[in-house]
């Protein structure tokens, strides 16, 4: 009798969370879908069709490209840096890197763009000192923006992977060595399979961060690099075509679909890795 009452109270305790989720996620989604499939007050798929054509499609592809590149490079660099921190014997180094990673992972937007422009822009300190402009260097392109995104993506990957690396038990390495396994074999058959969920989660997190970034790109490259977030802003403010604000909602729906596809790939891989740990 007591258990049933406790269960009933537990179910009622979830209600505020469900109400919050409906208000925060459900209502915006309904508005998004309603605007996407409405053109001039009538039901239409014109907004969605337009969002997948011309400059809008180019911007969507551009966002996917830069996000995938940042996710892969940031994932690799962040993982190696995290491994160096975990295996270091200097506690001060570990604490210093983790503290700096916590700060840098949250450093973005206009301040980040200004810092890079002042450092490596056309008139930046490093650019003028080393004469990088004479060798064709430019911060205001695809690769320059990728470099800036890596500035906060690599620290974020470090924060994501360090707890997983700490979870690798020394007994596993000792058991592998006792059975004649080399360092490569340990990582190939033990370390990497154990870390796969955390690594995949970190890569997905970096992809999402770069895919949704707006302020840094807007302040640094403007429209010189086609990105879907910049196109959404243009459509909302009427910088492209007046009365096509609903195209921005369609582009937002496209972003949700891309994020859903990425998660659809990630979740089965994560379940497969989780089976290895049982």
Protein backbone atom coordinates (compact mmCIF):
# COMPACT_ATOMS: atom_id res chain seq x y z
CA UNK A 1 0.00 0.00 0.00
CA UNK A 2 2.83 2.33 0.93
CA UNK A 3 4.68 1.52 -2.30
CA UNK A 4 1.65 2.42 -4.44
CA UNK A 5 1.29 5.77 -2.67
CA UNK A 6 4.98 6.49 -3.16
CA UNK A 7 4.72 5.58 -6.85
CA UNK A 8 1.70 7.82 -7.28
CA UNK A 9 3.52 10.75 -5.68
CA UNK A 10 6.52 10.12 -7.92
CA UNK A 11 4.35 10.27 -11.03
CA UNK A 12 2.78 13.54 -9.93
CA UNK A 13 6.24 14.98 -9.26
CA UNK A 14 7.03 14.61 -12.97
CA UNK A 15 4.09 16.81 -14.01
CA UNK A 16 5.91 20.16 -13.55
CA UNK A 17 8.76 18.89 -15.70
CA UNK A 18 6.34 17.77 -18.42
CA UNK A 19 4.55 21.12 -18.34
CA UNK A 20 7.87 22.92 -18.59
CA UNK A 21 8.94 20.73 -21.53
CA UNK A 22 5.66 21.37 -23.36
CA UNK A 23 5.95 25.14 -22.90
CA UNK A 24 9.64 25.43 -23.72
CA UNK A 25 9.86 22.85 -26.51
CA UNK A 26 6.36 21.99 -27.64
CA UNK A 27 4.96 25.48 -28.21
CA UNK A 28 7.99 26.75 -30.19
CA UNK A 29 7.90 23.58 -32.29
CA UNK A 30 4.22 24.14 -33.14
CA UNK A 31 4.96 27.75 -34.09
CA UNK A 32 7.92 26.58 -36.16
CA UNK A 33 5.89 23.98 -38.03
CA UNK A 34 2.96 26.34 -38.50
CA UNK A 35 5.13 29.07 -39.97
CA UNK A 36 7.15 26.67 -42.13
CA UNK A 37 4.08 25.33 -43.89
CA UNK A 38 2.27 28.66 -44.26
CA UNK A 39 2.83 31.20 -47.03
CA UNK A 40 0.75 34.40 -47.12
CA UNK A 41 -1.83 32.95 -44.74
CA UNK A 42 -2.45 29.74 -46.70
CA UNK A 43 -1.01 26.23 -46.18
CA UNK A 44 1.96 25.72 -48.46
CA UNK A 45 5.26 23.88 -48.69
CA UNK A 46 6.83 26.78 -50.60
CA UNK A 47 8.93 27.91 -47.63
CA UNK A 48 10.43 24.47 -47.13
CA UNK A 49 11.08 24.09 -50.86
CA UNK A 50 12.75 27.49 -51.03
CA UNK A 51 14.93 26.68 -48.02
CA UNK A 52 16.41 23.75 -49.93
CA UNK A 53 17.31 25.69 -53.05
CA UNK A 54 19.90 28.21 -54.19
CA UNK A 55 21.78 30.22 -51.59
CA UNK A 56 19.81 28.67 -48.73
CA UNK A 57 20.92 25.15 -49.66
CA UNK A 58 24.49 26.38 -50.10
CA UNK A 59 24.43 27.87 -46.61
CA UNK A 60 23.04 24.65 -45.12
CA UNK A 61 25.75 22.59 -46.80
CA UNK A 62 28.37 25.11 -45.68
CA UNK A 63 27.26 24.83 -42.06
CA UNK A 64 27.36 21.04 -42.21
CA UNK A 65 30.86 21.09 -43.72
CA UNK A 66 32.39 23.45 -41.19
CA UNK A 67 30.61 21.72 -38.29
CA UNK A 68 31.81 18.27 -39.37
CA UNK A 69 35.37 19.52 -39.83
CA UNK A 70 35.39 21.25 -36.44
CA UNK A 71 33.89 18.16 -34.79
CA UNK A 72 36.52 15.80 -36.21
CA UNK A 73 39.55 18.06 -35.70
CA UNK A 74 38.36 19.23 -32.30
CA UNK A 75 37.60 15.67 -31.26
CA UNK A 76 41.06 14.40 -32.21
CA UNK A 77 43.01 17.33 -30.78
CA UNK A 78 40.89 17.47 -27.63
CA UNK A 79 41.26 13.74 -26.99
CA UNK A 80 45.06 13.80 -27.30
CA UNK A 81 45.26 16.87 -25.07
CA UNK A 82 42.99 15.22 -22.50
CA UNK A 83 45.14 12.08 -22.54
CA UNK A 84 48.26 14.17 -21.97
CA UNK A 85 46.58 15.88 -19.03
CA UNK A 86 45.34 12.65 -17.46
CA UNK A 87 48.70 10.90 -17.73
CA UNK A 88 50.69 13.90 -16.49
CA UNK A 89 52.31 13.59 -13.09
CA UNK A 90 52.01 17.32 -12.46
CA UNK A 91 48.77 18.06 -10.66
CA UNK A 92 49.15 21.81 -11.27
CA UNK A 93 49.25 21.18 -15.02
CA UNK A 94 46.06 19.15 -14.90
CA UNK A 95 44.21 21.73 -12.81
CA UNK A 96 45.50 24.58 -14.96
CA UNK A 97 44.45 22.96 -18.25
CA UNK A 98 41.01 21.99 -16.93
CA UNK A 99 40.42 25.47 -15.53
CA UNK A 100 41.50 27.09 -18.78
CA UNK A 101 39.34 24.67 -20.76
CA UNK A 102 36.32 25.58 -18.66
CA UNK A 103 36.87 29.26 -19.42
CA UNK A 104 37.73 28.92 -23.11
CA UNK A 105 34.87 26.51 -23.83
CA UNK A 106 32.45 29.27 -22.84
CA UNK A 107 34.30 32.09 -24.60
CA UNK A 108 32.50 32.91 -27.81
CA UNK A 109 30.39 35.43 -29.64
CA UNK A 110 31.54 38.96 -30.49
CA UNK A 111 34.37 39.07 -27.88
CA UNK A 112 35.93 35.96 -29.42
CA UNK A 113 35.66 37.41 -32.93
CA UNK A 114 37.23 40.69 -31.79
CA UNK A 115 40.12 38.86 -30.09
CA UNK A 116 40.94 36.92 -33.26
CA UNK A 117 40.54 39.94 -35.53
CA UNK A 118 42.91 41.94 -33.31
CA UNK A 119 45.39 39.06 -33.38
CA UNK A 120 45.19 37.49 -36.84
CA UNK A 121 42.99 39.86 -38.82
CA UNK A 122 44.28 41.85 -41.79
CA UNK A 123 45.76 44.42 -39.40
CA UNK A 124 46.21 42.07 -36.47
CA UNK A 125 49.29 42.09 -34.28
CA UNK A 126 50.56 38.68 -35.35
CA UNK A 127 49.61 39.20 -39.01
CA UNK A 128 51.56 42.45 -39.32
CA UNK A 129 54.49 41.28 -37.21
CA UNK A 130 55.06 38.09 -39.19
CA UNK A 131 53.93 39.50 -42.52
CA UNK A 132 51.32 36.78 -42.96
CA UNK A 133 49.28 38.94 -45.32
CA UNK A 134 52.11 38.81 -47.86
CA UNK A 135 51.76 35.02 -47.95
CA UNK A 136 48.04 35.02 -48.67
CA UNK A 137 46.80 34.60 -45.09
CA UNK A 138 43.20 35.61 -44.42
CA UNK A 139 41.14 35.07 -41.32
CA UNK A 140 37.88 35.93 -43.05
CA UNK A 141 37.23 32.68 -44.91
CA UNK A 142 36.16 29.09 -44.30
CA UNK A 143 39.48 27.98 -42.81
CA UNK A 144 39.86 31.07 -40.68
CA UNK A 145 36.41 30.54 -39.19
CA UNK A 146 37.24 26.86 -38.62
CA UNK A 147 40.33 27.90 -36.67
CA UNK A 148 38.27 30.24 -34.50
CA UNK A 149 35.66 27.56 -33.83
CA UNK A 150 38.40 25.16 -32.76
CA UNK A 151 39.43 27.70 -30.13
CA UNK A 152 36.39 26.83 -28.03
CA UNK A 153 35.73 23.35 -29.40
CA UNK A 154 39.02 21.73 -28.35
CA UNK A 155 38.65 22.82 -24.68
CA UNK A 156 35.06 21.58 -24.72
CA UNK A 157 36.26 18.18 -25.94
CA UNK A 158 38.86 18.10 -23.17
CA UNK A 159 36.18 18.66 -20.54
CA UNK A 160 34.06 15.91 -22.10
CA UNK A 161 36.77 13.25 -22.41
CA UNK A 162 38.81 13.72 -19.24
CA UNK A 163 36.20 12.05 -16.95
CA UNK A 164 36.02 9.10 -19.36
CA UNK A 165 39.81 8.75 -19.42
CA UNK A 166 39.84 8.86 -15.63
CA UNK A 167 37.39 5.95 -15.72
CA UNK A 168 39.89 3.64 -17.45
CA UNK A 169 40.94 1.32 -14.65
CA UNK A 170 44.68 0.67 -14.20
CA UNK A 171 43.84 -3.01 -13.67
CA UNK A 172 42.73 -3.28 -17.31
CA UNK A 173 46.09 -2.05 -18.59
CA UNK A 174 47.94 -4.33 -16.17
CA UNK A 175 45.85 -7.32 -17.23
CA UNK A 176 46.53 -6.55 -20.89
CA UNK A 177 50.27 -6.26 -20.26
CA UNK A 178 50.30 -9.52 -18.28
CA UNK A 179 48.73 -11.22 -21.27
CA UNK A 180 51.40 -9.87 -23.62
CA UNK A 181 49.37 -7.06 -25.18
CA UNK A 182 51.21 -4.05 -26.51
CA UNK A 183 50.13 -0.46 -25.86
CA UNK A 184 48.52 -0.34 -29.32
CA UNK A 185 46.60 -3.56 -28.67
CA UNK A 186 45.37 -2.26 -25.33
CA UNK A 187 43.93 0.87 -26.92
CA UNK A 188 42.61 -1.05 -29.92
CA UNK A 189 40.73 -3.74 -27.99
CA UNK A 190 40.11 -2.15 -24.58
CA UNK A 191 40.66 1.59 -24.36
CA UNK A 192 38.92 2.77 -27.53
CA UNK A 193 35.83 0.54 -27.15
CA UNK A 194 35.38 1.77 -23.56
CA UNK A 195 35.83 5.41 -24.59
CA UNK A 196 33.70 5.21 -27.74
CA UNK A 197 30.46 6.53 -26.15
CA UNK A 198 32.26 9.50 -24.61
CA UNK A 199 34.21 10.22 -27.81
CA UNK A 200 31.10 10.05 -29.96
CA UNK A 201 29.19 12.21 -27.51
CA UNK A 202 31.99 14.79 -27.56
CA UNK A 203 32.10 14.87 -31.36
CA UNK A 204 28.32 15.30 -31.54
CA UNK A 205 28.56 18.10 -28.98
CA UNK A 206 31.21 19.88 -31.03
CA UNK A 207 29.16 19.45 -34.19
CA UNK A 208 26.11 20.95 -32.53
CA UNK A 209 28.08 23.87 -31.09
CA UNK A 210 29.59 24.80 -34.45
CA UNK A 211 26.34 24.15 -36.32
CA UNK A 212 24.37 26.53 -34.12
CA UNK A 213 27.05 29.23 -33.75
CA UNK A 214 25.99 32.66 -34.98
CA UNK A 215 27.46 35.70 -33.23
CA UNK A 216 31.12 34.86 -33.85
CA UNK A 217 30.56 34.20 -37.56
CA UNK A 218 28.37 37.27 -37.97
CA UNK A 219 30.93 39.56 -36.35
CA UNK A 220 33.92 38.05 -38.14
CA UNK A 221 33.00 36.95 -41.66
CA UNK A 222 29.50 38.34 -42.29
CA UNK A 223 28.14 36.88 -45.50
CA UNK A 224 31.52 35.92 -46.98
CA UNK A 225 31.11 32.38 -45.60
CA UNK A 226 27.66 30.85 -46.31
CA UNK A 227 26.17 29.59 -43.04
CA UNK A 228 22.58 28.66 -42.32
CA UNK A 229 22.43 30.65 -39.08
CA UNK A 230 23.40 33.81 -40.95
CA UNK A 231 20.75 33.11 -43.59
CA UNK A 232 18.13 32.70 -40.87
CA UNK A 233 19.07 36.10 -39.45
CA UNK A 234 18.87 37.68 -42.92
CA UNK A 235 15.45 36.15 -43.55
CA UNK A 236 14.11 37.29 -40.17
CA UNK A 237 15.30 40.87 -40.64
CA UNK A 238 14.18 41.05 -44.26
CA UNK A 239 17.70 41.64 -45.57
CA UNK A 240 17.03 39.32 -48.51
CA UNK A 241 13.33 39.44 -49.37
CA UNK A 242 10.58 41.24 -47.51
CA UNK A 243 7.77 38.95 -46.40
CA UNK A 244 9.86 35.78 -46.48
CA UNK A 245 10.34 35.57 -42.72
CA UNK A 246 8.79 32.11 -42.70
CA UNK A 247 11.71 30.88 -44.78
CA UNK A 248 13.78 31.39 -41.64
CA UNK A 249 11.47 28.99 -39.83
CA UNK A 250 11.89 26.49 -42.65
CA UNK A 251 15.67 26.81 -42.36
CA UNK A 252 15.36 26.21 -38.63
CA UNK A 253 13.40 23.05 -39.38
CA UNK A 254 16.18 21.98 -41.76
CA UNK A 255 18.66 22.42 -38.92
CA UNK A 256 16.53 20.29 -36.62
CA UNK A 257 16.38 17.55 -39.26
CA UNK A 258 20.17 17.61 -39.70
CA UNK A 259 20.68 17.42 -35.93
CA UNK A 260 18.18 14.55 -35.79
CA UNK A 261 20.04 12.64 -38.50
CA UNK A 262 23.31 13.07 -36.63
CA UNK A 263 21.72 11.76 -33.44
CA UNK A 264 20.18 8.87 -35.38
CA UNK A 265 23.69 7.79 -36.34
CA UNK A 266 25.10 8.36 -32.86
CA UNK A 267 22.53 6.51 -30.73
CA UNK A 268 22.90 3.05 -32.36
CA UNK A 269 26.68 3.31 -32.10
CA UNK A 270 26.37 4.28 -28.46
CA UNK A 271 24.10 1.31 -27.72
CA UNK A 272 26.54 -0.99 -29.46
CA UNK A 273 29.40 0.34 -27.36
CA UNK A 274 27.34 0.08 -24.18
CA UNK A 275 26.83 -3.63 -24.88
CA UNK A 276 30.59 -4.10 -24.78
CA UNK A 277 30.69 -2.72 -21.25
CA UNK A 278 28.11 -5.17 -19.82
